[in-house]
Amino acid sequence: MKIMAMLKERTQHIQASTDELMKRWELRFSKVSKPSSIPFSTIPLNQGNDRSAPLNNEHIQPLANTIEKPYELYSRLKAKVGQEIHVGDWHTVTQECIDEFSKVTGDTQWIHIDKVRASQESPFKSTIAHGLLVLSLLPKLRALEIYSETHYPEARFIVNKGLKKVRFLAPVKPDQEICSRTKLRSVTPHKRGVDIEEEVIIEIKDEKHRACYVVLSLRLYI
């Protein structure tokens, strides 16, 4: 009972923090975006304490962008939560790719690289790709640069925060084709941008079983 109470309290605290951040965003955004009746002034570096020079629009634009971009990004993404936002192209996993991954990672188990033994002893009757190899192909499967520019053009860069609920559901054999399907799971405002979670499924062409399921936790820096 104590654990449940602690979890409930923690959840309420996180929600309160998120609501407070949104209120600050909205307040700051409204102050910047709405015209003020009070004339602005600035202190040019070359005019000492002379406060008579009017404020040029170019001085307030960076502040407006700093607030407007994450607010607009959050609002746009919030409307897409629960929707599938990307389906990737098919990509062939080759034995050469599997062999190279084995060399780089040191995982040279025979089920990945020994075709003869795998055909005789493995329950899969073939070599198979490493689960971590399939997972590491996500940037390629999602065409990451184009994907980012399409869905998150305001973001200067994206950082992986972690992976949740990773499940390898079926083996991927050499020369099979895989693709990814991405659904937006959640959006949370952050002082430096926006935190999102994406639910990704990796499918195998002409197979009823999926290869992998994972939830990506990302931070978009504005």
C-alpha atoms as a PDB file:
ATOM      1  CA  MET A   1       0.000   0.000   0.000  1.00  0.00           C
ATOM      2  CA  LYS A   2       2.864   2.366   0.800  1.00  0.00           C
ATOM      3  CA  ILE A   3       4.414   1.729  -2.622  1.00  0.00           C
ATOM      4  CA  MET A   4       1.127   2.467  -4.406  1.00  0.00           C
ATOM      5  CA  ALA A   5       0.741   5.674  -2.423  1.00  0.00           C
ATOM      6  CA  MET A   6       4.278   6.729  -3.331  1.00  0.00           C
ATOM      7  CA  LEU A   7       3.693   5.996  -7.035  1.00  0.00           C
ATOM      8  CA  LYS A   8       0.442   7.945  -6.984  1.00  0.00           C
ATOM      9  CA  GLU A   9       2.137  10.893  -5.279  1.00  0.00           C
ATOM     10  CA  ARG A  10       4.997  10.801  -7.804  1.00  0.00           C
ATOM     11  CA  THR A  11       2.578  10.710 -10.740  1.00  0.00           C
ATOM     12  CA  GLN A  12       0.660  13.687  -9.369  1.00  0.00           C
ATOM     13  CA  HIS A  13       3.920  15.587  -8.879  1.00  0.00           C
ATOM     14  CA  ILE A  14       4.999  14.968 -12.497  1.00  0.00           C
ATOM     15  CA  GLN A  15       1.586  16.043 -13.802  1.00  0.00           C
ATOM     16  CA  ALA A  16       1.682  19.193 -11.665  1.00  0.00           C
ATOM     17  CA  SER A  17       5.155  20.042 -12.961  1.00  0.00           C
ATOM     18  CA  THR A  18       4.010  19.566 -16.565  1.00  0.00           C
ATOM     19  CA  ASP A  19       0.916  21.731 -16.039  1.00  0.00           C
ATOM     20  CA  GLU A  20       3.019  24.450 -14.422  1.00  0.00           C
ATOM     21  CA  LEU A  21       5.477  24.442 -17.322  1.00  0.00           C
ATOM     22  CA  MET A  22       2.644  24.717 -19.824  1.00  0.00           C
ATOM     23  CA  LYS A  23       1.197  27.680 -17.925  1.00  0.00           C
ATOM     24  CA  ARG A  24       4.578  29.410 -18.040  1.00  0.00           C
ATOM     25  CA  TRP A  25       4.893  28.736 -21.754  1.00  0.00           C
ATOM     26  CA  GLU A  26       1.442  30.116 -22.461  1.00  0.00           C
ATOM     27  CA  LEU A  27       2.026  33.193 -20.286  1.00  0.00           C
ATOM     28  CA  ARG A  28       5.396  34.005 -21.831  1.00  0.00           C
ATOM     29  CA  PHE A  29       4.128  33.288 -25.320  1.00  0.00           C
ATOM     30  CA  SER A  30       1.162  35.622 -24.899  1.00  0.00           C
ATOM     31  CA  LYS A  31       3.385  38.405 -23.565  1.00  0.00           C
ATOM     32  CA  VAL A  32       5.712  38.168 -26.528  1.00  0.00           C
ATOM     33  CA  SER A  33       3.110  37.645 -29.233  1.00  0.00           C
ATOM     34  CA  LYS A  34       0.661  40.349 -28.116  1.00  0.00           C
ATOM     35  CA  PRO A  35       1.518  44.044 -28.703  1.00  0.00           C
ATOM     36  CA  SER A  36       2.207  46.056 -25.569  1.00  0.00           C
ATOM     37  CA  SER A  37       0.994  49.575 -24.860  1.00  0.00           C
ATOM     38  CA  ILE A  38       4.260  50.329 -23.052  1.00  0.00           C
ATOM     39  CA  PRO A  39       7.000  51.568 -25.436  1.00  0.00           C
ATOM     40  CA  PHE A  40      10.145  49.468 -25.395  1.00  0.00           C
ATOM     41  CA  SER A  41      13.627  50.896 -25.192  1.00  0.00           C
ATOM     42  CA  THR A  42      17.078  49.466 -25.462  1.00  0.00           C
ATOM     43  CA  ILE A  43      20.634  50.402 -24.523  1.00  0.00           C
ATOM     44  CA  PRO A  44      22.874  50.151 -27.587  1.00  0.00           C
ATOM     45  CA  LEU A  45      26.396  49.154 -26.652  1.00  0.00           C
ATOM     46  CA  ASN A  46      27.830  52.250 -28.290  1.00  0.00           C
ATOM     47  CA  GLN A  47      25.524  54.746 -26.566  1.00  0.00           C
ATOM     48  CA  GLY A  48      26.389  54.214 -22.898  1.00  0.00           C
ATOM     49  CA  ASN A  49      23.353  55.000 -20.699  1.00  0.00           C
ATOM     50  CA  ASP A  50      21.315  56.609 -23.473  1.00  0.00           C
ATOM     51  CA  ARG A  51      17.891  54.920 -23.211  1.00  0.00           C
ATOM     52  CA  SER A  52      16.214  57.098 -25.864  1.00  0.00           C
ATOM     53  CA  ALA A  53      16.886  54.811 -28.824  1.00  0.00           C
ATOM     54  CA  PRO A  54      13.795  52.751 -29.790  1.00  0.00           C
ATOM     55  CA  LEU A  55      13.858  48.987 -29.608  1.00  0.00           C
ATOM     56  CA  ASN A  56      14.418  47.455 -33.002  1.00  0.00           C
ATOM     57  CA  ASN A  57      12.209  44.476 -33.869  1.00  0.00           C
ATOM     58  CA  GLU A  58      15.291  42.363 -34.502  1.00  0.00           C
ATOM     59  CA  HIS A  59      16.098  42.592 -30.764  1.00  0.00           C
ATOM     60  CA  ILE A  60      12.844  40.973 -29.665  1.00  0.00           C
ATOM     61  CA  GLN A  61      12.615  38.391 -32.450  1.00  0.00           C
ATOM     62  CA  PRO A  62      15.039  35.880 -30.870  1.00  0.00           C
ATOM     63  CA  LEU A  63      13.002  35.893 -27.644  1.00  0.00           C
ATOM     64  CA  ALA A  64       9.783  35.394 -29.592  1.00  0.00           C
ATOM     65  CA  ASN A  65      11.278  32.475 -31.494  1.00  0.00           C
ATOM     66  CA  THR A  66      12.636  30.908 -28.308  1.00  0.00           C
ATOM     67  CA  ILE A  67       9.133  30.725 -26.868  1.00  0.00           C
ATOM     68  CA  GLU A  68       7.050  30.333 -30.003  1.00  0.00           C
ATOM     69  CA  LYS A  69       8.854  27.380 -31.585  1.00  0.00           C
ATOM     70  CA  PRO A  70       8.592  24.866 -28.700  1.00  0.00           C
ATOM     71  CA  TYR A  71       5.019  25.980 -27.983  1.00  0.00           C
ATOM     72  CA  GLU A  72       3.966  25.467 -31.603  1.00  0.00           C
ATOM     73  CA  LEU A  73       5.822  22.146 -31.825  1.00  0.00           C
ATOM     74  CA  TYR A  74       4.197  20.875 -28.629  1.00  0.00           C
ATOM     75  CA  SER A  75       0.715  21.964 -29.768  1.00  0.00           C
ATOM     76  CA  ARG A  76       1.102  20.373 -33.195  1.00  0.00           C
ATOM     77  CA  LEU A  77       2.451  17.078 -31.851  1.00  0.00           C
ATOM     78  CA  LYS A  78      -0.130  16.907 -29.061  1.00  0.00           C
ATOM     79  CA  ALA A  79      -2.842  16.713 -31.710  1.00  0.00           C
ATOM     80  CA  LYS A  80      -1.111  13.669 -33.271  1.00  0.00           C
ATOM     81  CA  VAL A  81      -0.755  11.552 -30.128  1.00  0.00           C
ATOM     82  CA  GLY A  82      -2.064   8.047 -30.805  1.00  0.00           C
ATOM     83  CA  GLN A  83      -1.627   8.378 -34.570  1.00  0.00           C
ATOM     84  CA  GLU A  84       0.732   6.494 -36.854  1.00  0.00           C
ATOM     85  CA  ILE A  85       3.133   9.158 -38.135  1.00  0.00           C
ATOM     86  CA  HIS A  86       5.600   7.170 -40.232  1.00  0.00           C
ATOM     87  CA  VAL A  87       5.928   3.971 -42.271  1.00  0.00           C
ATOM     88  CA  GLY A  88       9.441   3.265 -43.540  1.00  0.00           C
ATOM     89  CA  ASP A  89      10.695   1.648 -46.723  1.00  0.00           C
ATOM     90  CA  TRP A  90      11.700  -2.015 -46.863  1.00  0.00           C
ATOM     91  CA  HIS A  91      15.339  -2.747 -46.061  1.00  0.00           C
ATOM     92  CA  THR A  92      17.137  -6.048 -46.748  1.00  0.00           C
ATOM     93  CA  VAL A  93      19.206  -7.549 -43.933  1.00  0.00           C
ATOM     94  CA  THR A  94      22.156  -9.367 -45.535  1.00  0.00           C
ATOM     95  CA  GLN A  95      24.521 -12.000 -44.130  1.00  0.00           C
ATOM     96  CA  GLU A  96      27.350  -9.547 -44.780  1.00  0.00           C
ATOM     97  CA  CYS A  97      25.647  -7.008 -42.510  1.00  0.00           C
ATOM     98  CA  ILE A  98      25.206  -9.683 -39.812  1.00  0.00           C
ATOM     99  CA  ASP A  99      28.885 -10.701 -40.098  1.00  0.00           C
ATOM    100  CA  GLU A 100      30.078  -7.095 -39.811  1.00  0.00           C
ATOM    101  CA  PHE A 101      27.892  -6.528 -36.752  1.00  0.00           C
ATOM    102  CA  SER A 102      29.380  -9.677 -35.185  1.00  0.00           C
ATOM    103  CA  LYS A 103      32.909  -8.342 -35.689  1.00  0.00           C
ATOM    104  CA  VAL A 104      32.116  -4.895 -34.293  1.00  0.00           C
ATOM    105  CA  THR A 105      30.261  -6.137 -31.203  1.00  0.00           C
ATOM    106  CA  GLY A 106      32.188  -9.319 -30.537  1.00  0.00           C
ATOM    107  CA  ASP A 107      28.993 -11.386 -30.610  1.00  0.00           C
ATOM    108  CA  THR A 108      30.246 -14.169 -32.886  1.00  0.00           C
ATOM    109  CA  GLN A 109      27.869 -16.880 -31.730  1.00  0.00           C
ATOM    110  CA  TRP A 110      27.465 -19.539 -34.425  1.00  0.00           C
ATOM    111  CA  ILE A 111      23.719 -18.989 -34.791  1.00  0.00           C
ATOM    112  CA  HIS A 112      24.579 -15.668 -36.459  1.00  0.00           C
ATOM    113  CA  ILE A 113      27.580 -16.465 -38.661  1.00  0.00           C
ATOM    114  CA  ASP A 114      27.932 -20.231 -39.266  1.00  0.00           C
ATOM    115  CA  LYS A 115      25.552 -21.077 -42.094  1.00  0.00           C
ATOM    116  CA  VAL A 116      26.317 -24.793 -42.192  1.00  0.00           C
ATOM    117  CA  ARG A 117      25.976 -25.408 -38.476  1.00  0.00           C
ATOM    118  CA  ALA A 118      22.900 -23.195 -38.248  1.00  0.00           C
ATOM    119  CA  SER A 119      21.181 -25.152 -41.024  1.00  0.00           C
ATOM    120  CA  GLN A 120      21.832 -28.407 -39.141  1.00  0.00           C
ATOM    121  CA  GLU A 121      21.472 -27.493 -35.472  1.00  0.00           C
ATOM    122  CA  SER A 122      19.499 -24.271 -35.164  1.00  0.00           C
ATOM    123  CA  PRO A 123      15.714 -24.477 -34.666  1.00  0.00           C
ATOM    124  CA  PHE A 124      15.503 -21.637 -37.219  1.00  0.00           C
ATOM    125  CA  LYS A 125      17.334 -23.752 -39.880  1.00  0.00           C
ATOM    126  CA  SER A 126      19.332 -20.680 -40.856  1.00  0.00           C
ATOM    127  CA  THR A 127      21.586 -18.011 -39.413  1.00  0.00           C
ATOM    128  CA  ILE A 128      19.679 -15.104 -37.887  1.00  0.00           C
ATOM    129  CA  ALA A 129      20.384 -11.421 -37.299  1.00  0.00           C
ATOM    130  CA  HIS A 130      21.246 -10.239 -33.801  1.00  0.00           C
ATOM    131  CA  GLY A 131      18.292  -8.657 -32.047  1.00  0.00           C
ATOM    132  CA  LEU A 132      20.457  -5.628 -31.270  1.00  0.00           C
ATOM    133  CA  LEU A 133      21.389  -5.367 -34.948  1.00  0.00           C
ATOM    134  CA  VAL A 134      17.727  -5.122 -35.893  1.00  0.00           C
ATOM    135  CA  LEU A 135      17.235  -2.493 -33.192  1.00  0.00           C
ATOM    136  CA  SER A 136      20.289  -0.518 -34.304  1.00  0.00           C
ATOM    137  CA  LEU A 137      18.871  -0.265 -37.837  1.00  0.00           C
ATOM    138  CA  LEU A 138      16.066   2.027 -36.669  1.00  0.00           C
ATOM    139  CA  PRO A 139      17.745   5.250 -37.916  1.00  0.00           C
ATOM    140  CA  LYS A 140      18.058   3.718 -41.400  1.00  0.00           C
ATOM    141  CA  LEU A 141      14.577   2.198 -41.322  1.00  0.00           C
ATOM    142  CA  ARG A 142      13.124   5.561 -40.315  1.00  0.00           C
ATOM    143  CA  ALA A 143      15.311   7.596 -42.738  1.00  0.00           C
ATOM    144  CA  LEU A 144      16.156   9.677 -39.683  1.00  0.00           C
ATOM    145  CA  GLU A 145      17.259  12.962 -41.287  1.00  0.00           C
ATOM    146  CA  ILE A 146      14.241  13.182 -43.603  1.00  0.00           C
ATOM    147  CA  TYR A 147      11.982  11.909 -40.816  1.00  0.00           C
ATOM    148  CA  SER A 148      13.195  14.617 -38.423  1.00  0.00           C
ATOM    149  CA  GLU A 149      12.870  17.412 -40.968  1.00  0.00           C
ATOM    150  CA  THR A 150       9.340  16.282 -41.799  1.00  0.00           C
ATOM    151  CA  HIS A 151       7.955  15.867 -38.282  1.00  0.00           C
ATOM    152  CA  TYR A 152      10.197  18.042 -36.094  1.00  0.00           C
ATOM    153  CA  PRO A 153      11.579  20.889 -38.278  1.00  0.00           C
ATOM    154  CA  GLU A 154      11.844  23.195 -35.252  1.00  0.00           C
ATOM    155  CA  ALA A 155      14.282  20.852 -33.484  1.00  0.00           C
ATOM    156  CA  ARG A 156      17.973  21.750 -33.685  1.00  0.00           C
ATOM    157  CA  PHE A 157      18.892  18.197 -32.741  1.00  0.00           C
ATOM    158  CA  ILE A 158      17.370  15.082 -31.159  1.00  0.00           C
ATOM    159  CA  VAL A 159      18.755  13.051 -28.264  1.00  0.00           C
ATOM    160  CA  ASN A 160      17.824   9.468 -27.345  1.00  0.00           C
ATOM    161  CA  LYS A 161      16.807   9.346 -23.680  1.00  0.00           C
ATOM    162  CA  GLY A 162      16.220   5.624 -23.548  1.00  0.00           C
ATOM    163  CA  LEU A 163      14.334   2.554 -24.717  1.00  0.00           C
ATOM    164  CA  LYS A 164      11.319   0.957 -23.074  1.00  0.00           C
ATOM    165  CA  LYS A 165       9.594  -2.395 -23.428  1.00  0.00           C
ATOM    166  CA  VAL A 166      12.039  -3.780 -25.994  1.00  0.00           C
ATOM    167  CA  ARG A 167      10.800  -7.126 -27.293  1.00  0.00           C
ATOM    168  CA  PHE A 168      12.330  -9.305 -30.018  1.00  0.00           C
ATOM    169  CA  LEU A 169       9.312 -11.188 -31.292  1.00  0.00           C
ATOM    170  CA  ALA A 170      10.613 -13.170 -34.267  1.00  0.00           C
ATOM    171  CA  PRO A 171      14.026 -13.870 -35.824  1.00  0.00           C
ATOM    172  CA  VAL A 172      15.191 -12.010 -38.919  1.00  0.00           C
ATOM    173  CA  LYS A 173      17.007 -14.261 -41.385  1.00  0.00           C
ATOM    174  CA  PRO A 174      19.523 -13.213 -44.067  1.00  0.00           C
ATOM    175  CA  ASP A 175      17.962 -11.601 -47.158  1.00  0.00           C
ATOM    176  CA  GLN A 176      14.661 -10.926 -45.414  1.00  0.00           C
ATOM    177  CA  GLU A 177      13.231  -7.420 -45.702  1.00  0.00           C
ATOM    178  CA  ILE A 178      12.144  -5.367 -42.701  1.00  0.00           C
ATOM    179  CA  CYS A 179      10.444  -2.003 -42.245  1.00  0.00           C
ATOM    180  CA  SER A 180       9.370   0.177 -39.321  1.00  0.00           C
ATOM    181  CA  ARG A 181       6.016   1.668 -38.366  1.00  0.00           C
ATOM    182  CA  THR A 182       5.977   4.539 -35.868  1.00  0.00           C
ATOM    183  CA  LYS A 183       3.134   5.795 -33.687  1.00  0.00           C
ATOM    184  CA  LEU A 184       3.383   8.930 -31.530  1.00  0.00           C
ATOM    185  CA  ARG A 185       2.693   7.835 -27.972  1.00  0.00           C
ATOM    186  CA  SER A 186       3.130  10.929 -25.776  1.00  0.00           C
ATOM    187  CA  VAL A 187       4.330  14.553 -25.800  1.00  0.00           C
ATOM    188  CA  THR A 188       5.606  16.423 -22.746  1.00  0.00           C
ATOM    189  CA  PRO A 189       6.898  20.015 -22.597  1.00  0.00           C
ATOM    190  CA  HIS A 190      10.427  20.565 -21.365  1.00  0.00           C
ATOM    191  CA  LYS A 191      12.261  23.797 -20.588  1.00  0.00           C
ATOM    192  CA  ARG A 192      14.708  23.097 -23.424  1.00  0.00           C
ATOM    193  CA  GLY A 193      12.213  21.739 -25.914  1.00  0.00           C
ATOM    194  CA  VAL A 194       9.830  18.800 -26.003  1.00  0.00           C
ATOM    195  CA  ASP A 195      10.042  15.205 -24.740  1.00  0.00           C
ATOM    196  CA  ILE A 196       8.258  12.575 -26.817  1.00  0.00           C
ATOM    197  CA  GLU A 197       7.700   8.837 -26.798  1.00  0.00           C
ATOM    198  CA  GLU A 198       7.311   6.885 -30.033  1.00  0.00           C
ATOM    199  CA  GLU A 199       6.016   3.337 -30.320  1.00  0.00           C
ATOM    200  CA  VAL A 200       7.904   1.506 -33.062  1.00  0.00           C
ATOM    201  CA  ILE A 201       7.137  -1.870 -34.621  1.00  0.00           C
ATOM    202  CA  ILE A 202       9.573  -3.563 -37.014  1.00  0.00           C
ATOM    203  CA  GLU A 203       7.827  -5.853 -39.474  1.00  0.00           C
ATOM    204  CA  ILE A 204       9.197  -8.693 -41.634  1.00  0.00           C
ATOM    205  CA  LYS A 205       7.970  -8.795 -45.210  1.00  0.00           C
ATOM    206  CA  ASP A 206       5.570 -11.658 -45.954  1.00  0.00           C
ATOM    207  CA  GLU A 207       5.695 -12.824 -42.320  1.00  0.00           C
ATOM    208  CA  LYS A 208       2.775 -12.662 -39.893  1.00  0.00           C
ATOM    209  CA  HIS A 209       5.062 -12.246 -36.874  1.00  0.00           C
ATOM    210  CA  ARG A 210       6.763  -8.943 -36.191  1.00  0.00           C
ATOM    211  CA  ALA A 211      10.496  -8.777 -35.557  1.00  0.00           C
ATOM    212  CA  CYS A 212      10.622  -6.189 -32.789  1.00  0.00           C
ATOM    213  CA  TYR A 213       8.621  -3.833 -30.599  1.00  0.00           C
ATOM    214  CA  VAL A 214      10.129  -0.856 -28.759  1.00  0.00           C
ATOM    215  CA  VAL A 215       9.134   2.478 -27.234  1.00  0.00           C
ATOM    216  CA  LEU A 216      11.643   5.244 -27.954  1.00  0.00           C
ATOM    217  CA  SER A 217      12.060   8.091 -25.486  1.00  0.00           C
ATOM    218  CA  LEU A 218      13.425  11.196 -27.216  1.00  0.00           C
ATOM    219  CA  ARG A 219      14.141  14.832 -26.391  1.00  0.00           C
ATOM    220  CA  LEU A 220      13.771  17.462 -29.127  1.00  0.00           C
ATOM    221  CA  TYR A 221      16.012  20.450 -28.431  1.00  0.00           C
ATOM    222  CA  ILE A 222      14.693  23.731 -29.872  1.00  0.00           C
END
